Amino acid sequence: MNKEEAAMIGFEVVAFAGEARSKLMEALEEAEKKNFEQAERLVEEAHTSLMQAHKSQTQMLAAEANGESVEIGFIMVHAQDHLMTTMLLKDTIRHLFNIYKKA
């Protein structure tokens, strides 16, 4: 996989992870307003976007696992960072929801 192909996958990961992050931040705002049903719906939408990002990422992992040389550029590094921080945000939001429900 050449650098351009890896970059395209990186752009996909960034786009899906970015969409998920936006949904998660909306969900947090809804939870703060005690709109937990809407907040949960947004978390599920974010989860769908994260799964799409993971699917894109898996293309590159599978290529490398099959012995293909993969050229990684800064775009893919950025994509990985974006994906992992969004996944952490999703996990953290669950704890925040519990705090908001008790308040």
PDB file of N, CA and C in Angstrom:
ATOM      1  N   MET A   1       0.867  -1.172   0.000  1.00  0.00           N
ATOM      2  CA  MET A   1       0.000   0.000   0.000  1.00  0.00           C
ATOM      3  C   MET A   1       0.907   1.227   0.000  1.00  0.00           C
ATOM      4  N   ASN A   2       0.714   2.075  -0.991  1.00  0.00           N
ATOM      5  CA  ASN A   2       1.563   3.255  -1.081  1.00  0.00           C
ATOM      6  C   ASN A   2       1.058   4.358  -0.145  1.00  0.00           C
ATOM      7  N   LYS A   3       1.828   5.426  -0.061  1.00  0.00           N
ATOM      8  CA  LYS A   3       1.529   6.511   0.874  1.00  0.00           C
ATOM      9  C   LYS A   3       0.193   7.189   0.556  1.00  0.00           C
ATOM     10  N   GLU A   4      -0.123   7.333  -0.722  1.00  0.00           N
ATOM     11  CA  GLU A   4      -1.394   7.962  -1.113  1.00  0.00           C
ATOM     12  C   GLU A   4      -2.590   7.111  -0.684  1.00  0.00           C
ATOM     13  N   GLU A   5      -2.493   5.808  -0.872  1.00  0.00           N
ATOM     14  CA  GLU A   5      -3.578   4.909  -0.448  1.00  0.00           C
ATOM     15  C   GLU A   5      -3.748   4.942   1.071  1.00  0.00           C
ATOM     16  N   ALA A   6      -2.632   4.939   1.776  1.00  0.00           N
ATOM     17  CA  ALA A   6      -2.685   5.012   3.238  1.00  0.00           C
ATOM     18  C   ALA A   6      -3.272   6.350   3.680  1.00  0.00           C
ATOM     19  N   ALA A   7      -2.932   7.415   2.972  1.00  0.00           N
ATOM     20  CA  ALA A   7      -3.471   8.736   3.311  1.00  0.00           C
ATOM     21  C   ALA A   7      -4.985   8.780   3.107  1.00  0.00           C
ATOM     22  N   MET A   8      -5.465   8.164   2.061  1.00  0.00           N
ATOM     23  CA  MET A   8      -6.910   8.137   1.814  1.00  0.00           C
ATOM     24  C   MET A   8      -7.636   7.403   2.942  1.00  0.00           C
ATOM     25  N   ILE A   9      -7.059   6.304   3.394  1.00  0.00           N
ATOM     26  CA  ILE A   9      -7.648   5.593   4.524  1.00  0.00           C
ATOM     27  C   ILE A   9      -7.589   6.483   5.764  1.00  0.00           C
ATOM     28  N   GLY A  10      -6.490   7.177   5.933  1.00  0.00           N
ATOM     29  CA  GLY A  10      -6.362   8.114   7.057  1.00  0.00           C
ATOM     30  C   GLY A  10      -7.437   9.177   7.030  1.00  0.00           C
ATOM     31  N   PHE A  11      -7.724   9.721   5.857  1.00  0.00           N
ATOM     32  CA  PHE A  11      -8.784  10.730   5.738  1.00  0.00           C
ATOM     33  C   PHE A  11     -10.145  10.143   6.116  1.00  0.00           C
ATOM     34  N   GLU A  12     -10.383   8.896   5.714  1.00  0.00           N
ATOM     35  CA  GLU A  12     -11.649   8.245   6.090  1.00  0.00           C
ATOM     36  C   GLU A  12     -11.759   8.104   7.607  1.00  0.00           C
ATOM     37  N   VAL A  13     -10.678   7.661   8.219  1.00  0.00           N
ATOM     38  CA  VAL A  13     -10.684   7.477   9.673  1.00  0.00           C
ATOM     39  C   VAL A  13     -10.933   8.816  10.367  1.00  0.00           C
ATOM     40  N   VAL A  14     -10.254   9.860   9.927  1.00  0.00           N
ATOM     41  CA  VAL A  14     -10.446  11.190  10.518  1.00  0.00           C
ATOM     42  C   VAL A  14     -11.891  11.647  10.351  1.00  0.00           C
ATOM     43  N   ALA A  15     -12.456  11.441   9.171  1.00  0.00           N
ATOM     44  CA  ALA A  15     -13.831  11.883   8.925  1.00  0.00           C
ATOM     45  C   ALA A  15     -14.824  11.144   9.825  1.00  0.00           C
ATOM     46  N   PHE A  16     -14.715   9.833   9.891  1.00  0.00           N
ATOM     47  CA  PHE A  16     -15.648   9.065  10.722  1.00  0.00           C
ATOM     48  C   PHE A  16     -15.441   9.347  12.208  1.00  0.00           C
ATOM     49  N   ALA A  17     -14.185   9.432  12.642  1.00  0.00           N
ATOM     50  CA  ALA A  17     -13.908   9.720  14.047  1.00  0.00           C
ATOM     51  C   ALA A  17     -14.356  11.140  14.401  1.00  0.00           C
ATOM     52  N   GLY A  18     -14.186  12.063  13.478  1.00  0.00           N
ATOM     53  CA  GLY A  18     -14.634  13.441  13.707  1.00  0.00           C
ATOM     54  C   GLY A  18     -16.140  13.530  13.842  1.00  0.00           C
ATOM     55  N   GLU A  19     -16.840  12.789  12.997  1.00  0.00           N
ATOM     56  CA  GLU A  19     -18.295  12.736  13.086  1.00  0.00           C
ATOM     57  C   GLU A  19     -18.716  12.153  14.437  1.00  0.00           C
ATOM     58  N   ALA A  20     -18.039  11.095  14.857  1.00  0.00           N
ATOM     59  CA  ALA A  20     -18.348  10.468  16.147  1.00  0.00           C
ATOM     60  C   ALA A  20     -18.090  11.439  17.287  1.00  0.00           C
ATOM     61  N   ARG A  21     -16.988  12.165  17.232  1.00  0.00           N
ATOM     62  CA  ARG A  21     -16.660  13.118  18.289  1.00  0.00           C
ATOM     63  C   ARG A  21     -17.728  14.205  18.389  1.00  0.00           C
ATOM     64  N   SER A  22     -18.173  14.701  17.256  1.00  0.00           N
ATOM     65  CA  SER A  22     -19.231  15.726  17.266  1.00  0.00           C
ATOM     66  C   SER A  22     -20.503  15.189  17.907  1.00  0.00           C
ATOM     67  N   LYS A  23     -20.877  13.962  17.558  1.00  0.00           N
ATOM     68  CA  LYS A  23     -22.079  13.339  18.144  1.00  0.00           C
ATOM     69  C   LYS A  23     -21.916  13.159  19.650  1.00  0.00           C
ATOM     70  N   LEU A  24     -20.728  12.763  20.081  1.00  0.00           N
ATOM     71  CA  LEU A  24     -20.484  12.560  21.501  1.00  0.00           C
ATOM     72  C   LEU A  24     -20.562  13.875  22.275  1.00  0.00           C
ATOM     73  N   MET A  25     -20.049  14.935  21.695  1.00  0.00           N
ATOM     74  CA  MET A  25     -20.124  16.233  22.370  1.00  0.00           C
ATOM     75  C   MET A  25     -21.578  16.720  22.439  1.00  0.00           C
ATOM     76  N   GLU A  26     -22.345  16.464  21.389  1.00  0.00           N
ATOM     77  CA  GLU A  26     -23.783  16.775  21.427  1.00  0.00           C
ATOM     78  C   GLU A  26     -24.466  15.959  22.516  1.00  0.00           C
ATOM     79  N   ALA A  27     -24.097  14.692  22.613  1.00  0.00           N
ATOM     80  CA  ALA A  27     -24.682  13.810  23.624  1.00  0.00           C
ATOM     81  C   ALA A  27     -24.384  14.331  25.020  1.00  0.00           C
ATOM     82  N   LEU A  28     -23.194  14.802  25.234  1.00  0.00           N
ATOM     83  CA  LEU A  28     -22.823  15.348  26.538  1.00  0.00           C
ATOM     84  C   LEU A  28     -23.672  16.571  26.876  1.00  0.00           C
ATOM     85  N   GLU A  29     -23.874  17.426  25.891  1.00  0.00           N
ATOM     86  CA  GLU A  29     -24.730  18.600  26.104  1.00  0.00           C
ATOM     87  C   GLU A  29     -26.161  18.191  26.451  1.00  0.00           C
ATOM     88  N   GLU A  30     -26.666  17.172  25.774  1.00  0.00           N
ATOM     89  CA  GLU A  30     -28.024  16.689  26.062  1.00  0.00           C
ATOM     90  C   GLU A  30     -28.102  16.083  27.467  1.00  0.00           C
ATOM     91  N   ALA A  31     -27.075  15.360  27.858  1.00  0.00           N
ATOM     92  CA  ALA A  31     -27.057  14.768  29.200  1.00  0.00           C
ATOM     93  C   ALA A  31     -27.020  15.854  30.267  1.00  0.00           C
ATOM     94  N   GLU A  32     -26.283  16.910  30.008  1.00  0.00           N
ATOM     95  CA  GLU A  32     -26.235  18.025  30.956  1.00  0.00           C
ATOM     96  C   GLU A  32     -27.619  18.638  31.156  1.00  0.00           C
ATOM     97  N   LYS A  33     -28.444  18.588  30.106  1.00  0.00           N
ATOM     98  CA  LYS A  33     -29.821  19.114  30.175  1.00  0.00           C
ATOM     99  C   LYS A  33     -30.817  18.062  30.647  1.00  0.00           C
ATOM    100  N   LYS A  34     -30.292  16.888  31.031  1.00  0.00           N
ATOM    101  CA  LYS A  34     -31.109  15.763  31.511  1.00  0.00           C
ATOM    102  C   LYS A  34     -31.950  15.122  30.404  1.00  0.00           C
ATOM    103  N   ASN A  35     -31.571  15.326  29.154  1.00  0.00           N
ATOM    104  CA  ASN A  35     -32.228  14.686  28.017  1.00  0.00           C
ATOM    105  C   ASN A  35     -31.494  13.383  27.700  1.00  0.00           C
ATOM    106  N   PHE A  36     -31.634  12.412  28.592  1.00  0.00           N
ATOM    107  CA  PHE A  36     -30.835  11.193  28.491  1.00  0.00           C
ATOM    108  C   PHE A  36     -31.224  10.308  27.319  1.00  0.00           C
ATOM    109  N   GLU A  37     -32.477  10.311  26.940  1.00  0.00           N
ATOM    110  CA  GLU A  37     -32.882   9.497  25.785  1.00  0.00           C
ATOM    111  C   GLU A  37     -32.203  10.006  24.516  1.00  0.00           C
ATOM    112  N   GLN A  38     -32.220  11.319  24.328  1.00  0.00           N
ATOM    113  CA  GLN A  38     -31.550  11.924  23.169  1.00  0.00           C
ATOM    114  C   GLN A  38     -30.033  11.702  23.256  1.00  0.00           C
ATOM    115  N   ALA A  39     -29.485  11.822  24.446  1.00  0.00           N
ATOM    116  CA  ALA A  39     -28.051  11.630  24.641  1.00  0.00           C
ATOM    117  C   ALA A  39     -27.652  10.208  24.259  1.00  0.00           C
ATOM    118  N   GLU A  40     -28.429   9.233  24.677  1.00  0.00           N
ATOM    119  CA  GLU A  40     -28.126   7.832  24.345  1.00  0.00           C
ATOM    120  C   GLU A  40     -28.218   7.583  22.841  1.00  0.00           C
ATOM    121  N   ARG A  41     -29.197   8.203  22.195  1.00  0.00           N
ATOM    122  CA  ARG A  41     -29.332   8.055  20.746  1.00  0.00           C
ATOM    123  C   ARG A  41     -28.079   8.598  20.037  1.00  0.00           C
ATOM    124  N   LEU A  42     -27.598   9.735  20.500  1.00  0.00           N
ATOM    125  CA  LEU A  42     -26.405  10.333  19.899  1.00  0.00           C
ATOM    126  C   LEU A  42     -25.164   9.466  20.141  1.00  0.00           C
ATOM    127  N   VAL A  43     -25.078   8.843  21.303  1.00  0.00           N
ATOM    128  CA  VAL A  43     -23.951   7.940  21.578  1.00  0.00           C
ATOM    129  C   VAL A  43     -24.000   6.749  20.627  1.00  0.00           C
ATOM    130  N   GLU A  44     -25.191   6.246  20.365  1.00  0.00           N
ATOM    131  CA  GLU A  44     -25.319   5.117  19.418  1.00  0.00           C
ATOM    132  C   GLU A  44     -24.911   5.543  18.007  1.00  0.00           C
ATOM    133  N   GLU A  45     -25.285   6.749  17.605  1.00  0.00           N
ATOM    134  CA  GLU A  45     -24.865   7.255  16.294  1.00  0.00           C
ATOM    135  C   GLU A  45     -23.344   7.389  16.243  1.00  0.00           C
ATOM    136  N   ALA A  46     -22.769   7.863  17.326  1.00  0.00           N
ATOM    137  CA  ALA A  46     -21.313   7.992  17.401  1.00  0.00           C
ATOM    138  C   ALA A  46     -20.659   6.614  17.302  1.00  0.00           C
ATOM    139  N   HIS A  47     -21.251   5.644  17.968  1.00  0.00           N
ATOM    140  CA  HIS A  47     -20.720   4.279  17.925  1.00  0.00           C
ATOM    141  C   HIS A  47     -20.693   3.761  16.486  1.00  0.00           C
ATOM    142  N   THR A  48     -21.740   4.029  15.731  1.00  0.00           N
ATOM    143  CA  THR A  48     -21.796   3.610  14.328  1.00  0.00           C
ATOM    144  C   THR A  48     -20.662   4.244  13.531  1.00  0.00           C
ATOM    145  N   SER A  49     -20.425   5.526  13.753  1.00  0.00           N
ATOM    146  CA  SER A  49     -19.326   6.208  13.054  1.00  0.00           C
ATOM    147  C   SER A  49     -17.970   5.642  13.459  1.00  0.00           C
ATOM    148  N   LEU A  50     -17.819   5.330  14.749  1.00  0.00           N
ATOM    149  CA  LEU A  50     -16.557   4.743  15.207  1.00  0.00           C
ATOM    150  C   LEU A  50     -16.324   3.381  14.574  1.00  0.00           C
ATOM    151  N   MET A  51     -17.379   2.617  14.396  1.00  0.00           N
ATOM    152  CA  MET A  51     -17.236   1.310  13.757  1.00  0.00           C
ATOM    153  C   MET A  51     -16.818   1.471  12.296  1.00  0.00           C
ATOM    154  N   GLN A  52     -17.319   2.511  11.630  1.00  0.00           N
ATOM    155  CA  GLN A  52     -16.914   2.774  10.252  1.00  0.00           C
ATOM    156  C   GLN A  52     -15.436   3.176  10.203  1.00  0.00           C
ATOM    157  N   ALA A  53     -15.011   3.972  11.176  1.00  0.00           N
ATOM    158  CA  ALA A  53     -13.602   4.360  11.242  1.00  0.00           C
ATOM    159  C   ALA A  53     -12.733   3.130  11.466  1.00  0.00           C
ATOM    160  N   HIS A  54     -13.170   2.269  12.347  1.00  0.00           N
ATOM    161  CA  HIS A  54     -12.417   1.051  12.637  1.00  0.00           C
ATOM    162  C   HIS A  54     -12.347   0.151  11.405  1.00  0.00           C
ATOM    163  N   LYS A  55     -13.438   0.088  10.657  1.00  0.00           N
ATOM    164  CA  LYS A  55     -13.455  -0.717   9.423  1.00  0.00           C
ATOM    165  C   LYS A  55     -12.423  -0.187   8.426  1.00  0.00           C
ATOM    166  N   SER A  56     -12.342   1.127   8.297  1.00  0.00           N
ATOM    167  CA  SER A  56     -11.352   1.722   7.395  1.00  0.00           C
ATOM    168  C   SER A  56      -9.939   1.409   7.874  1.00  0.00           C
ATOM    169  N   GLN A  57      -9.725   1.544   9.168  1.00  0.00           N
ATOM    170  CA  GLN A  57      -8.417   1.255   9.751  1.00  0.00           C
ATOM    171  C   GLN A  57      -8.022  -0.207   9.525  1.00  0.00           C
ATOM    172  N   THR A  58      -8.994  -1.090   9.624  1.00  0.00           N
ATOM    173  CA  THR A  58      -8.742  -2.518   9.475  1.00  0.00           C
ATOM    174  C   THR A  58      -8.232  -2.860   8.082  1.00  0.00           C
ATOM    175  N   GLN A  59      -8.618  -2.091   7.071  1.00  0.00           N
ATOM    176  CA  GLN A  59      -8.098  -2.313   5.716  1.00  0.00           C
ATOM    177  C   GLN A  59      -6.576  -2.263   5.719  1.00  0.00           C
ATOM    178  N   MET A  60      -6.045  -1.256   6.387  1.00  0.00           N
ATOM    179  CA  MET A  60      -4.603  -1.084   6.426  1.00  0.00           C
ATOM    180  C   MET A  60      -3.953  -2.173   7.276  1.00  0.00           C
ATOM    181  N   LEU A  61      -4.549  -2.489   8.391  1.00  0.00           N
ATOM    182  CA  LEU A  61      -4.000  -3.540   9.251  1.00  0.00           C
ATOM    183  C   LEU A  61      -3.977  -4.884   8.526  1.00  0.00           C
ATOM    184  N   ALA A  62      -5.045  -5.177   7.793  1.00  0.00           N
ATOM    185  CA  ALA A  62      -5.114  -6.440   7.058  1.00  0.00           C
ATOM    186  C   ALA A  62      -4.053  -6.501   5.966  1.00  0.00           C
ATOM    187  N   ALA A  63      -3.849  -5.387   5.286  1.00  0.00           N
ATOM    188  CA  ALA A  63      -2.835  -5.356   4.229  1.00  0.00           C
ATOM    189  C   ALA A  63      -1.462  -5.659   4.812  1.00  0.00           C
ATOM    190  N   GLU A  64      -1.132  -5.026   5.918  1.00  0.00           N
ATOM    191  CA  GLU A  64       0.171  -5.260   6.528  1.00  0.00           C
ATOM    192  C   GLU A  64       0.279  -6.686   7.069  1.00  0.00           C
ATOM    193  N   ALA A  65      -0.794  -7.189   7.671  1.00  0.00           N
ATOM    194  CA  ALA A  65      -0.793  -8.554   8.193  1.00  0.00           C
ATOM    195  C   ALA A  65      -0.598  -9.579   7.078  1.00  0.00           C
ATOM    196  N   ASN A  66      -1.027  -9.244   5.878  1.00  0.00           N
ATOM    197  CA  ASN A  66      -0.867 -10.130   4.726  1.00  0.00           C
ATOM    198  C   ASN A  66       0.491  -9.972   4.048  1.00  0.00           C
ATOM    199  N   GLY A  67       1.379  -9.219   4.681  1.00  0.00           N
ATOM    200  CA  GLY A  67       2.734  -9.090   4.159  1.00  0.00           C
ATOM    201  C   GLY A  67       2.951  -7.924   3.221  1.00  0.00           C
ATOM    202  N   GLU A  68       1.920  -7.135   2.996  1.00  0.00           N
ATOM    203  CA  GLU A  68       2.052  -5.988   2.104  1.00  0.00           C
ATOM    204  C   GLU A  68       2.797  -4.863   2.823  1.00  0.00           C
ATOM    205  N   SER A  69       3.675  -4.210   2.108  1.00  0.00           N
ATOM    206  CA  SER A  69       4.385  -3.061   2.659  1.00  0.00           C
ATOM    207  C   SER A  69       3.406  -1.884   2.731  1.00  0.00           C
ATOM    208  N   VAL A  70       3.365  -1.224   3.874  1.00  0.00           N
ATOM    209  CA  VAL A  70       2.451  -0.107   4.081  1.00  0.00           C
ATOM    210  C   VAL A  70       3.263   1.125   4.453  1.00  0.00           C
ATOM    211  N   GLU A  71       3.119   2.168   3.641  1.00  0.00           N
ATOM    212  CA  GLU A  71       3.814   3.423   3.914  1.00  0.00           C
ATOM    213  C   GLU A  71       2.923   4.317   4.765  1.00  0.00           C
ATOM    214  N   ILE A  72       3.349   4.582   5.974  1.00  0.00           N
ATOM    215  CA  ILE A  72       2.570   5.399   6.901  1.00  0.00           C
ATOM    216  C   ILE A  72       3.080   6.833   6.853  1.00  0.00           C
ATOM    217  N   GLY A  73       2.164   7.764   6.697  1.00  0.00           N
ATOM    218  CA  GLY A  73       2.502   9.177   6.721  1.00  0.00           C
ATOM    219  C   GLY A  73       1.847   9.855   7.913  1.00  0.00           C
ATOM    220  N   PHE A  74       2.072  11.135   8.029  1.00  0.00           N
ATOM    221  CA  PHE A  74       1.548  11.887   9.164  1.00  0.00           C
ATOM    222  C   PHE A  74       0.022  11.886   9.193  1.00  0.00           C
ATOM    223  N   ILE A  75      -0.627  11.819   8.036  1.00  0.00           N
ATOM    224  CA  ILE A  75      -2.094  11.803   8.000  1.00  0.00           C
ATOM    225  C   ILE A  75      -2.622  10.589   8.753  1.00  0.00           C
ATOM    226  N   MET A  76      -1.992   9.446   8.551  1.00  0.00           N
ATOM    227  CA  MET A  76      -2.449   8.243   9.244  1.00  0.00           C
ATOM    228  C   MET A  76      -2.139   8.321  10.733  1.00  0.00           C
ATOM    229  N   VAL A  77      -1.032   8.907  11.091  1.00  0.00           N
ATOM    230  CA  VAL A  77      -0.710   9.100  12.511  1.00  0.00           C
ATOM    231  C   VAL A  77      -1.776   9.989  13.148  1.00  0.00           C
ATOM    232  N   HIS A  78      -2.138  11.052  12.463  1.00  0.00           N
ATOM    233  CA  HIS A  78      -3.192  11.950  12.944  1.00  0.00           C
ATOM    234  C   HIS A  78      -4.516  11.201  13.059  1.00  0.00           C
ATOM    235  N   ALA A  79      -4.812  10.372  12.089  1.00  0.00           N
ATOM    236  CA  ALA A  79      -6.059   9.601  12.101  1.00  0.00           C
ATOM    237  C   ALA A  79      -6.113   8.676  13.312  1.00  0.00           C
ATOM    238  N   GLN A  80      -5.016   8.005  13.590  1.00  0.00           N
ATOM    239  CA  GLN A  80      -4.964   7.107  14.746  1.00  0.00           C
ATOM    240  C   GLN A  80      -5.188   7.881  16.038  1.00  0.00           C
ATOM    241  N   ASP A  81      -4.549   9.023  16.144  1.00  0.00           N
ATOM    242  CA  ASP A  81      -4.716   9.872  17.327  1.00  0.00           C
ATOM    243  C   ASP A  81      -6.169  10.296  17.482  1.00  0.00           C
ATOM    244  N   HIS A  82      -6.753  10.725  16.383  1.00  0.00           N
ATOM    245  CA  HIS A  82      -8.146  11.183  16.384  1.00  0.00           C
ATOM    246  C   HIS A  82      -9.089  10.043  16.796  1.00  0.00           C
ATOM    247  N   LEU A  83      -8.862   8.870  16.254  1.00  0.00           N
ATOM    248  CA  LEU A  83      -9.705   7.719  16.560  1.00  0.00           C
ATOM    249  C   LEU A  83      -9.592   7.325  18.031  1.00  0.00           C
ATOM    250  N   MET A  84      -8.381   7.229  18.523  1.00  0.00           N
ATOM    251  CA  MET A  84      -8.187   6.774  19.903  1.00  0.00           C
ATOM    252  C   MET A  84      -8.727   7.782  20.917  1.00  0.00           C
ATOM    253  N   THR A  85      -8.540   9.072  20.675  1.00  0.00           N
ATOM    254  CA  THR A  85      -9.074  10.059  21.627  1.00  0.00           C
ATOM    255  C   THR A  85     -10.597  10.074  21.598  1.00  0.00           C
ATOM    256  N   THR A  86     -11.177   9.826  20.450  1.00  0.00           N
ATOM    257  CA  THR A  86     -12.634   9.771  20.366  1.00  0.00           C
ATOM    258  C   THR A  86     -13.169   8.531  21.077  1.00  0.00           C
ATOM    259  N   MET A  87     -12.460   7.435  20.965  1.00  0.00           N
ATOM    260  CA  MET A  87     -12.880   6.232  21.682  1.00  0.00           C
ATOM    261  C   MET A  87     -12.792   6.456  23.198  1.00  0.00           C
ATOM    262  N   LEU A  88     -11.765   7.151  23.634  1.00  0.00           N
ATOM    263  CA  LEU A  88     -11.639   7.477  25.052  1.00  0.00           C
ATOM    264  C   LEU A  88     -12.771   8.399  25.495  1.00  0.00           C
ATOM    265  N   LEU A  89     -13.113   9.369  24.659  1.00  0.00           N
ATOM    266  CA  LEU A  89     -14.229  10.262  24.971  1.00  0.00           C
ATOM    267  C   LEU A  89     -15.519   9.474  25.138  1.00  0.00           C
ATOM    268  N   LYS A  90     -15.747   8.514  24.259  1.00  0.00           N
ATOM    269  CA  LYS A  90     -16.958   7.697  24.361  1.00  0.00           C
ATOM    270  C   LYS A  90     -17.003   6.970  25.699  1.00  0.00           C
ATOM    271  N   ASP A  91     -15.896   6.387  26.105  1.00  0.00           N
ATOM    272  CA  ASP A  91     -15.838   5.699  27.393  1.00  0.00           C
ATOM    273  C   ASP A  91     -16.061   6.663  28.559  1.00  0.00           C
ATOM    274  N   THR A  92     -15.476   7.827  28.490  1.00  0.00           N
ATOM    275  CA  THR A  92     -15.599   8.821  29.558  1.00  0.00           C
ATOM    276  C   THR A  92     -17.021   9.341  29.674  1.00  0.00           C
ATOM    277  N   ILE A  93     -17.686   9.502  28.549  1.00  0.00           N
ATOM    278  CA  ILE A  93     -19.051  10.025  28.557  1.00  0.00           C
ATOM    279  C   ILE A  93     -19.985   9.112  29.340  1.00  0.00           C
ATOM    280  N   ARG A  94     -19.784   7.829  29.266  1.00  0.00           N
ATOM    281  CA  ARG A  94     -20.616   6.896  30.043  1.00  0.00           C
ATOM    282  C   ARG A  94     -20.543   7.230  31.533  1.00  0.00           C
ATOM    283  N   HIS A  95     -19.367   7.531  32.019  1.00  0.00           N
ATOM    284  CA  HIS A  95     -19.197   7.881  33.430  1.00  0.00           C
ATOM    285  C   HIS A  95     -19.843   9.234  33.742  1.00  0.00           C
ATOM    286  N   LEU A  96     -19.703  10.176  32.825  1.00  0.00           N
ATOM    287  CA  LEU A  96     -20.328  11.479  33.026  1.00  0.00           C
ATOM    288  C   LEU A  96     -21.845  11.371  33.052  1.00  0.00           C
ATOM    289  N   PHE A  97     -22.402  10.522  32.190  1.00  0.00           N
ATOM    290  CA  PHE A  97     -23.858  10.307  32.199  1.00  0.00           C
ATOM    291  C   PHE A  97     -24.308   9.843  33.579  1.00  0.00           C
ATOM    292  N   ASN A  98     -23.566   8.925  34.162  1.00  0.00           N
ATOM    293  CA  ASN A  98     -23.932   8.423  35.489  1.00  0.00           C
ATOM    294  C   ASN A  98     -23.895   9.543  36.524  1.00  0.00           C
ATOM    295  N   ILE A  99     -22.920  10.404  36.433  1.00  0.00           N
ATOM    296  CA  ILE A  99     -22.840  11.540  37.358  1.00  0.00           C
ATOM    297  C   ILE A  99     -24.028  12.475  37.154  1.00  0.00           C
ATOM    298  N   TYR A 100     -24.357  12.788  35.896  1.00  0.00           N
ATOM    299  CA  TYR A 100     -25.485  13.682  35.616  1.00  0.00           C
ATOM    300  C   TYR A 100     -26.812  13.082  36.062  1.00  0.00           C
ATOM    301  N   LYS A 101     -26.937  11.776  35.951  1.00  0.00           N
ATOM    302  CA  LYS A 101     -28.184  11.119  36.366  1.00  0.00           C
ATOM    303  C   LYS A 101     -28.370  11.211  37.881  1.00  0.00           C
ATOM    304  N   LYS A 102     -27.290  11.214  38.630  1.00  0.00           N
ATOM    305  CA  LYS A 102     -27.361  11.281  40.078  1.00  0.00           C
ATOM    306  C   LYS A 102     -27.539  12.708  40.597  1.00  0.00           C
ATOM    307  N   ALA A 103     -27.183  13.669  39.778  1.00  0.00           N
ATOM    308  CA  ALA A 103     -27.229  15.086  40.211  1.00  0.00           C
ATOM    309  C   ALA A 103     -28.650  15.622  40.212  1.00  0.00           C
TER     310      ALA A 103
END
